Structures are given as structure tokens and as C-alpha cells.
């Protein structure tokens, strides 16, 4: 996916005859007005709870290595977030 993974449609068709492949650049092909319309439509779907955000799992910063391992092995669904503790002040945590 993305501009670094563009494939020639003929090669895709030869390897996977049942798959359609279309290269496009969202910014160039759709343009800012259409992209704005799409974001507005998505916002409405989220507001109506037709769509829901991907699940988020927070990991303490001390377990970052474990969280990254889980992510690299694709053993998660949604987003993994590192929870960075607030710094200490003279009176305690900020």
C-alpha cells in the first residue's frame, strides 16, 4: 500500500487473474474538495455510531519492548499506545 508499493496492473493480472488493481493518488485524483466531502461523511458515520474507532490498548512505557514485539508479530487489533507517565514536580505529579 502507498506510493512505495505501486505495481504494474499487467503483473497483478498475470499473478492474480481474479483481482482488479487500480493505481490512484487520492490527493491528485480526488482533490481537496472531494476529500473534504469524504471526511465529512466519515465524521457523520462515526457520530451515528455506524463506524467505531479501532480499539486502543495502552502499554506502560516500561513495557515498550513487549508492546513493539506484539505489534511486529501482528498479534494485536487496532492501535497500541505507549503510556508515558507525567513528570514529577516538587509537589508531586503534574
Protein backbone atom coordinates (compact mmCIF):
# COMPACT_ATOMS: atom_id res chain seq x y z
CA UNK A 1 0.00 0.00 0.00
CA UNK A 2 1.13 3.51 -0.62
CA UNK A 3 3.29 5.06 -3.26
CA UNK A 4 6.21 2.76 -2.50
CA UNK A 5 4.16 -0.33 -3.36
CA UNK A 6 2.85 0.57 -6.82
CA UNK A 7 2.63 -2.45 -9.09
CA UNK A 8 2.05 -2.74 -12.78
CA UNK A 9 -1.60 -3.79 -13.41
CA UNK A 10 -0.44 -6.35 -16.00
CA UNK A 11 1.73 -8.14 -13.43
CA UNK A 12 -1.10 -8.22 -10.88
CA UNK A 13 -3.50 -9.61 -13.50
CA UNK A 14 -0.98 -12.29 -14.51
CA UNK A 15 -0.37 -13.40 -10.92
CA UNK A 16 -3.97 -12.98 -9.68
CA UNK A 17 -6.44 -13.07 -12.59
CA UNK A 18 -9.49 -12.68 -10.33
CA UNK A 19 -8.17 -9.48 -8.71
CA UNK A 20 -8.76 -6.00 -10.09
CA UNK A 21 -5.97 -3.50 -9.48
CA UNK A 22 -6.24 0.27 -9.92
CA UNK A 23 -3.46 2.71 -9.09
CA UNK A 24 -4.59 6.13 -7.85
CA UNK A 25 -3.31 9.08 -5.90
CA UNK A 26 -6.03 10.24 -3.54
CA UNK A 27 -4.82 13.84 -3.37
CA UNK A 28 -4.37 14.22 -7.12
CA UNK A 29 -7.32 12.15 -8.32
CA UNK A 30 -9.92 13.17 -5.74
CA UNK A 31 -8.76 16.69 -4.94
CA UNK A 32 -9.24 18.69 -1.74
CA UNK A 33 -12.98 19.33 -2.19
CA UNK A 34 -13.82 15.63 -2.60
CA UNK A 35 -11.50 14.64 0.25
CA UNK A 36 -13.30 17.17 2.47
CA UNK A 37 -16.65 15.62 1.49
CA UNK A 38 -15.33 12.15 2.34
CA UNK A 39 -14.09 13.29 5.76
CA UNK A 40 -17.45 14.93 6.45
CA UNK A 41 -19.28 11.70 5.51
CA UNK A 42 -16.95 9.67 7.74
CA UNK A 43 -17.48 12.09 10.66
CA UNK A 44 -21.24 11.63 10.31
CA UNK A 45 -20.88 7.83 10.30
CA UNK A 46 -18.77 7.99 13.48
CA UNK A 47 -21.26 10.39 15.10
CA UNK A 48 -24.12 8.00 14.27
CA UNK A 49 -22.01 5.10 15.59
CA UNK A 50 -22.29 3.29 12.28
CA UNK A 51 -18.49 3.23 12.36
CA UNK A 52 -16.43 2.87 15.52
CA UNK A 53 -12.79 3.73 16.12
CA UNK A 54 -10.29 0.90 16.17
CA UNK A 55 -9.68 -0.49 19.67
CA UNK A 56 -6.78 1.05 21.56
CA UNK A 57 -4.55 -0.77 24.04
CA UNK A 58 -2.26 1.31 26.26
CA UNK A 59 1.05 -0.13 27.42
CA UNK A 60 3.21 1.38 30.18
CA UNK A 61 6.43 2.85 28.80
CA UNK A 62 8.40 0.30 30.81
CA UNK A 63 6.83 -2.46 28.65
CA UNK A 64 7.60 -0.75 25.31
CA UNK A 65 9.77 -3.65 24.11
CA UNK A 66 6.92 -6.11 24.72
CA UNK A 67 4.39 -3.83 23.01
CA UNK A 68 6.63 -3.44 19.95
CA UNK A 69 7.12 -7.21 19.81
CA UNK A 70 3.34 -7.74 19.87
CA UNK A 71 2.97 -5.17 17.10
CA UNK A 72 5.77 -6.65 14.97
CA UNK A 73 4.14 -10.08 15.21
CA UNK A 74 0.70 -8.65 14.32
CA UNK A 75 -0.82 -10.09 17.49
CA UNK A 76 -2.99 -7.03 18.06
CA UNK A 77 -6.09 -5.41 16.66
CA UNK A 78 -6.32 -1.64 16.47
CA UNK A 79 -3.79 0.72 17.99
CA UNK A 80 -1.06 0.16 20.54
CA UNK A 81 -0.18 3.23 22.59
CA UNK A 82 2.75 3.79 24.93
CA UNK A 83 1.58 5.48 28.10
CA UNK A 84 4.27 7.93 29.17
CA UNK A 85 3.98 8.92 32.82
CA UNK A 86 3.71 12.58 33.71
CA UNK A 87 6.91 14.09 35.11
CA UNK A 88 7.41 14.72 38.80
CA UNK A 89 7.34 18.26 40.19
CA UNK A 90 8.21 19.49 43.66
CA UNK A 91 4.62 18.91 44.75
CA UNK A 92 4.16 15.57 43.01
CA UNK A 93 3.00 14.60 39.53
CA UNK A 94 1.93 17.34 37.10
